Amino acid sequence: MSFGIAPAAFAVNVETEAAPMTRYFFHIRRNGETVPDREGDEFASVDDARVSALRAVQELVAASIKNGQIVPDEYIDVQNDANEPQFSISFHDVVRDHLK
């Protein structure tokens, strides 16, 4: 949609350095198989990636429960863009932690 204003009219000349972003990949592991995340997502830190992964697992668990399904014994395995494992989150652990 165009409002007849050139994008340059909104240009701001701010000299700040953006924090380097790392791409993290959220692979789903189930039944001995891995469903790879081929796109990944960029985060400023591994902690930010962990928060996002935890939220994703919580949403997937909630959807399973809402649909009357058993929460699967699955994991999200997170790797950085250097293909280095960072952490894993168990779906069952998320449920167990919620029930504490």
Foldseek 3Di string as FASTA:
>chain_A
DDPPDDPVVVDDDDDDDDQDWWFKWWWKDAPNDIDTRPPGDIDNDVVVVVVVQLVVLVVVQVVCVVVVHDQGQMKTFMAIPVRHTDDIDTSVVSVVVVVD
